[in-house]
Amino acid sequence: MAIIETEATLHEAHRDNHTHRDVNGGWLRPAVFGAMDGLVSNLALMTGVAGGSVSQQTVVLSGLAGLAAGAFSMAAGEYTSVASQRELVEAELDVERRELRRHPKDEEAELAALYEARGVEAHLAREVARQLSRDPEQALEIHAREELGIDPGDLPSPTVAAVSSFGSFALGALLPVLPYLLGASSLWPAVLLALLGLFLCGAVVAKVTACSWWYSGLRQLALGGAAAGVTYALGTLFGTAVG
């Protein structure tokens, strides 16, 4: 009896603890991409301008302009992209909804064939399909998942994606500018703060992936540092040529 109770307790504990993170949310990807892009692009922009031996005021103005332009561009791009994707999905759902209304038996047989192809016995597959098809909305949800690989009740929001992109890009792009706004008179404090931000962003991203925090952080730091180095060299070259 004690063994049975122990196994039941372990099973219950396993069931309660077996949870997954949300991998379909509409905010995570644009937020992470926006922060990384803001840091790398604005750092690269500012180092490129600074490489041309311009005034401190010009470097700061370039950073602020890059922040504003990039944030609005990211938000507009994400909104358009996600809205277009959502409109396409909704159009396909309308097609499936019409088919369920006009040819319910054919759609039921199609669902049964899907289950049968996955190894369910034929008579059981037909019975499951029949019962699931009794509710039109439930049938639509199941067909959408089986045929389109989507959940009609969990479509990404264009507004959430746009706001996430705007805020995260602006936050990332602000880091290279911040030392100047606080009184710094050279490029190095901005570079160091931006590189630290890149490492921390990479480490935070590792929390929602299977990658180690230090590897993710160093990878992002190396990529951002390389971009800044290349643009600084180009800025120096172009500044010398133009000058």
Protein backbone atom coordinates (compact mmCIF):
# COMPACT_ATOMS: atom_id res chain seq x y z
CA MET A 1 0.00 0.00 0.00
CA ALA A 2 2.84 2.39 0.94
CA ILE A 3 4.56 1.72 -2.39
CA ILE A 4 1.37 2.46 -4.32
CA GLU A 5 0.82 5.69 -2.41
CA THR A 6 4.44 6.73 -3.02
CA GLU A 7 4.15 6.07 -6.76
CA ALA A 8 0.89 8.00 -6.88
CA THR A 9 2.51 10.92 -5.07
CA LEU A 10 5.49 10.95 -7.45
CA HIS A 11 3.18 10.80 -10.44
CA GLU A 12 1.14 13.71 -9.11
CA ALA A 13 4.29 15.73 -8.42
CA HIS A 14 5.60 15.03 -11.91
CA ARG A 15 2.32 16.11 -13.45
CA ASP A 16 2.27 19.35 -11.45
CA ASN A 17 5.88 20.21 -12.29
CA HIS A 18 5.80 19.29 -15.96
CA THR A 19 5.38 22.70 -17.52
CA HIS A 20 6.80 24.34 -20.62
CA ARG A 21 7.78 27.88 -21.43
CA ASP A 22 5.73 29.83 -23.96
CA VAL A 23 7.53 29.43 -27.28
CA ASN A 24 4.81 30.98 -29.43
CA GLY A 25 4.48 34.38 -27.80
CA GLY A 26 4.43 37.40 -30.13
CA TRP A 27 6.67 39.55 -27.91
CA LEU A 28 9.85 37.55 -27.26
CA ARG A 29 11.40 37.44 -30.72
CA PRO A 30 10.88 41.12 -31.61
CA ALA A 31 11.97 42.23 -28.13
CA VAL A 32 15.23 40.23 -28.22
CA PHE A 33 15.93 41.09 -31.84
CA GLY A 34 15.14 44.76 -31.19
CA ALA A 35 17.50 45.09 -28.23
CA MET A 36 20.35 43.35 -30.04
CA ASP A 37 19.79 45.35 -33.21
CA GLY A 38 19.58 48.62 -31.28
CA LEU A 39 22.86 47.98 -29.51
CA VAL A 40 24.82 46.75 -32.53
CA SER A 41 23.49 49.19 -35.12
CA ASN A 42 23.77 52.32 -32.98
CA LEU A 43 27.17 51.35 -31.63
CA ALA A 44 28.36 50.73 -35.18
CA LEU A 45 26.82 53.98 -36.38
CA MET A 46 28.44 56.04 -33.61
CA THR A 47 31.87 54.42 -33.96
CA GLY A 48 31.73 54.93 -37.72
CA VAL A 49 30.92 58.61 -37.31
CA ALA A 50 33.53 59.01 -34.57
CA GLY A 51 36.12 57.40 -36.83
CA GLY A 52 35.70 60.31 -39.21
CA SER A 53 37.21 62.67 -36.60
CA VAL A 54 34.04 64.72 -36.17
CA SER A 55 32.95 66.69 -33.14
CA GLN A 56 31.46 65.12 -30.02
CA GLN A 57 28.17 66.88 -30.72
CA THR A 58 27.98 65.21 -34.13
CA VAL A 59 28.56 61.76 -32.62
CA VAL A 60 25.82 62.30 -30.02
CA LEU A 61 23.40 63.67 -32.61
CA SER A 62 24.11 60.68 -34.84
CA GLY A 63 23.39 58.31 -31.94
CA LEU A 64 20.09 60.00 -31.07
CA ALA A 65 19.04 60.09 -34.72
CA GLY A 66 19.94 56.42 -35.09
CA LEU A 67 17.91 55.59 -31.99
CA ALA A 68 14.79 57.37 -33.23
CA ALA A 69 15.01 56.21 -36.84
CA GLY A 70 15.80 52.62 -35.91
CA ALA A 71 13.07 52.33 -33.28
CA PHE A 72 10.36 53.60 -35.61
CA SER A 73 11.66 51.47 -38.47
CA MET A 74 11.68 48.33 -36.32
CA ALA A 75 8.19 49.00 -35.02
CA ALA A 76 6.77 49.64 -38.49
CA GLY A 77 8.50 46.60 -39.95
CA GLU A 78 7.35 44.26 -37.17
CA TYR A 79 3.78 45.55 -37.31
CA THR A 80 3.57 45.10 -41.07
CA SER A 81 5.21 41.67 -40.97
CA VAL A 82 3.07 40.25 -38.16
CA ALA A 83 -0.13 41.86 -39.49
CA SER A 84 0.48 40.36 -42.95
CA GLN A 85 1.16 36.95 -41.44
CA ARG A 86 -1.99 37.16 -39.32
CA GLU A 87 -4.10 38.23 -42.30
CA LEU A 88 -2.81 35.26 -44.29
CA VAL A 89 -3.62 32.87 -41.44
CA GLU A 90 -7.10 34.33 -41.03
CA ALA A 91 -7.73 33.98 -44.76
CA GLU A 92 -6.76 30.30 -44.58
CA LEU A 93 -9.01 29.85 -41.55
CA ASP A 94 -11.90 31.33 -43.53
CA VAL A 95 -11.25 28.77 -46.27
CA GLU A 96 -11.29 25.95 -43.72
CA ARG A 97 -14.42 27.36 -42.08
CA ARG A 98 -16.26 27.39 -45.42
CA GLU A 99 -15.21 23.83 -46.17
CA LEU A 100 -16.47 22.67 -42.78
CA ARG A 101 -19.80 24.34 -43.44
CA ARG A 102 -20.23 23.14 -47.01
CA HIS A 103 -18.66 19.67 -46.83
CA PRO A 104 -18.74 18.54 -43.19
CA LYS A 105 -18.60 14.82 -44.00
CA ASP A 106 -15.61 15.22 -46.29
CA GLU A 107 -13.77 17.21 -43.64
CA GLU A 108 -14.65 14.60 -41.02
CA ALA A 109 -13.28 11.86 -43.26
CA GLU A 110 -10.14 13.92 -43.87
CA LEU A 111 -9.59 14.26 -40.12
CA ALA A 112 -10.12 10.54 -39.62
CA ALA A 113 -7.57 9.81 -42.35
CA LEU A 114 -5.04 12.03 -40.59
CA TYR A 115 -5.43 10.13 -37.33
CA GLU A 116 -5.31 6.81 -39.15
CA ALA A 117 -2.09 7.82 -40.89
CA ARG A 118 -0.60 8.41 -37.45
CA GLY A 119 -1.30 4.89 -36.36
CA VAL A 120 -4.81 5.07 -34.88
CA GLU A 121 -7.01 2.12 -35.79
CA ALA A 122 -9.45 2.93 -38.59
CA HIS A 123 -12.69 2.50 -36.65
CA LEU A 124 -11.33 4.46 -33.68
CA ALA A 125 -10.03 7.23 -35.94
CA ARG A 126 -13.47 7.59 -37.54
CA GLU A 127 -15.18 7.69 -34.14
CA VAL A 128 -12.76 10.30 -32.77
CA ALA A 129 -13.19 12.43 -35.88
CA ARG A 130 -16.99 12.14 -35.63
CA GLN A 131 -17.08 13.24 -32.00
CA LEU A 132 -14.63 16.08 -32.49
CA SER A 133 -16.53 17.36 -35.52
CA ARG A 134 -19.79 17.87 -33.62
CA ASP A 135 -18.71 21.35 -32.48
CA PRO A 136 -17.91 23.56 -35.53
CA GLU A 137 -15.48 25.81 -33.63
CA GLN A 138 -13.69 22.85 -32.11
CA ALA A 139 -13.52 21.20 -35.51
CA LEU A 140 -12.03 24.37 -36.99
CA GLU A 141 -9.40 24.52 -34.26
CA ILE A 142 -8.41 20.89 -34.75
CA HIS A 143 -8.24 21.16 -38.55
CA ALA A 144 -6.15 24.33 -38.22
CA ARG A 145 -3.70 22.60 -35.92
CA GLU A 146 -3.51 19.41 -37.95
CA GLU A 147 -3.40 20.94 -41.42
CA LEU A 148 -1.92 24.42 -40.92
CA GLY A 149 0.06 23.90 -37.72
CA ILE A 150 -1.48 26.93 -35.99
CA ASP A 151 -3.70 27.65 -33.00
CA PRO A 152 -6.54 30.01 -34.04
CA GLY A 153 -6.84 31.28 -30.47
CA ASP A 154 -3.17 32.15 -30.11
CA LEU A 155 -2.28 34.26 -33.13
CA PRO A 156 0.51 36.85 -32.68
CA SER A 157 -0.55 40.47 -32.15
CA PRO A 158 0.91 43.09 -34.54
CA THR A 159 0.58 45.76 -31.85
CA VAL A 160 2.46 43.70 -29.26
CA ALA A 161 5.21 42.97 -31.77
CA ALA A 162 5.51 46.64 -32.77
CA VAL A 163 5.57 47.98 -29.21
CA SER A 164 8.08 45.32 -28.15
CA SER A 165 10.35 46.15 -31.07
CA PHE A 166 10.14 49.89 -30.53
CA GLY A 167 10.85 49.76 -26.80
CA SER A 168 13.61 47.17 -26.94
CA PHE A 169 15.40 48.82 -29.88
CA ALA A 170 15.26 52.23 -28.19
CA LEU A 171 16.59 50.75 -24.95
CA GLY A 172 19.44 48.99 -26.71
CA ALA A 173 20.30 52.00 -28.87
CA LEU A 174 20.33 54.28 -25.83
CA LEU A 175 23.29 52.50 -24.19
CA PRO A 176 26.02 53.82 -26.53
CA VAL A 177 24.59 57.35 -26.24
CA LEU A 178 24.16 57.31 -22.47
CA PRO A 179 27.81 57.99 -21.48
CA TYR A 180 27.82 61.11 -23.66
CA LEU A 181 24.56 62.31 -22.10
CA LEU A 182 26.13 61.81 -18.65
CA GLY A 183 29.18 63.91 -19.51
CA ALA A 184 31.66 61.57 -21.24
CA SER A 185 33.93 63.30 -23.72
CA SER A 186 35.36 60.29 -25.58
CA LEU A 187 34.09 57.26 -27.44
CA TRP A 188 35.54 54.57 -25.17
CA PRO A 189 32.98 54.75 -22.31
CA ALA A 190 30.20 54.37 -24.88
CA VAL A 191 31.96 51.39 -26.49
CA LEU A 192 32.60 49.66 -23.16
CA LEU A 193 29.02 50.17 -21.94
CA ALA A 194 27.60 48.94 -25.23
CA LEU A 195 29.81 45.84 -25.23
CA LEU A 196 28.79 45.10 -21.64
CA GLY A 197 25.17 45.48 -22.69
CA LEU A 198 25.71 43.06 -25.58
CA PHE A 199 27.22 40.48 -23.27
CA LEU A 200 24.34 40.83 -20.79
CA CYS A 201 21.74 40.61 -23.57
CA GLY A 202 23.35 37.44 -24.87
CA ALA A 203 23.44 35.99 -21.36
CA VAL A 204 19.76 36.83 -20.80
CA VAL A 205 18.78 35.23 -24.10
CA ALA A 206 20.46 32.03 -22.91
CA LYS A 207 17.90 31.84 -20.10
CA VAL A 208 15.20 30.95 -22.63
CA THR A 209 17.36 28.68 -24.79
CA ALA A 210 19.52 25.63 -24.29
CA CYS A 211 22.73 27.63 -24.80
CA SER A 212 25.09 28.41 -21.90
CA TRP A 213 24.95 32.03 -20.67
CA TRP A 214 28.66 32.73 -21.09
CA TYR A 215 28.81 31.36 -24.63
CA SER A 216 25.74 33.31 -25.70
CA GLY A 217 27.07 36.46 -24.06
CA LEU A 218 30.54 36.18 -25.59
CA ARG A 219 29.10 35.40 -29.01
CA GLN A 220 26.98 38.53 -28.99
CA LEU A 221 29.86 40.62 -27.63
CA ALA A 222 32.17 39.37 -30.39
CA LEU A 223 29.64 40.08 -33.14
CA GLY A 224 28.88 43.56 -31.86
CA GLY A 225 32.54 44.35 -31.29
CA ALA A 226 33.41 43.23 -34.81
CA ALA A 227 30.67 45.43 -36.29
CA ALA A 228 31.88 48.43 -34.30
CA GLY A 229 35.51 47.81 -35.27
CA VAL A 230 34.74 47.53 -38.98
CA THR A 231 32.59 50.67 -39.07
CA TYR A 232 35.20 52.63 -37.10
CA ALA A 233 37.84 51.62 -39.63
CA LEU A 234 35.55 52.59 -42.51
CA GLY A 235 34.71 55.89 -40.81
CA THR A 236 38.42 56.64 -40.43
CA LEU A 237 39.06 55.73 -44.05
CA PHE A 238 36.18 57.78 -45.42
CA GLY A 239 36.93 60.67 -43.10
CA THR A 240 40.50 60.81 -44.34
CA ALA A 241 39.37 60.56 -47.97
CA VAL A 242 36.68 63.23 -47.62
CA GLY A 243 38.90 65.46 -45.50
